[in-house]
Amino acid sequence: MLLYLVRHGDAKRSEEDPLRPLSNNGVKEVNKIAAYASGKGVRVNRIFHSGKLRAEQTAQILSSHLRPEKAISDTDGLAPMDDPRIWFNRISGMEEDIMLVGHLPYMSVLSDLLLSGGKSRNQLGFNTGGTVCLKRDGNRTWKLEWMVNPGDIE
């Protein structure tokens, strides 16, 4: 199973717009990441997002490039301060390749939990639009396959 963890793109500040949609820069970041992922041959069955507008917009852009087999959907358990064990437990029974679009500190804590059982903190730096690909091998352990941030792509 491949698991893609994506932090939403840059969002407007709450003073500018309380719903915090993606900024123009955020849209550019996510399009850059989506084109990169598509070029790498990333295929997912489903994209889940937190339901917050910035995560939903990020998921929609990714979906337009990656064309998941099943629709994108908002879900519980991906909000910034949610318990990452919710999705840790959910994915333990999954076999399909999926993408989760969320926020900090959630994405960082979930990746730490998957890679080290939570023993390490902030192993992976998630910039806005940052994407991580993790692979679960036969003995149910997770390994980092690759990571990219928008600034890494020309």
Foldseek 3Di string as FASTA:
>chain_A
DKEKEWEFFDWDDCVVPVLTAHDPRRLVFLLLLLVVCVVVVDEFQEEEEQPRRRQVVSVVSNCVRRVHVDYYYYDPQAEAPGDLVVVVVVCLPDDTYYYYYHHPPNSQQNVCCQAPVSPDGRPDDHDHGKMWMWDQDPVRHIDTPDIDGSVVGD
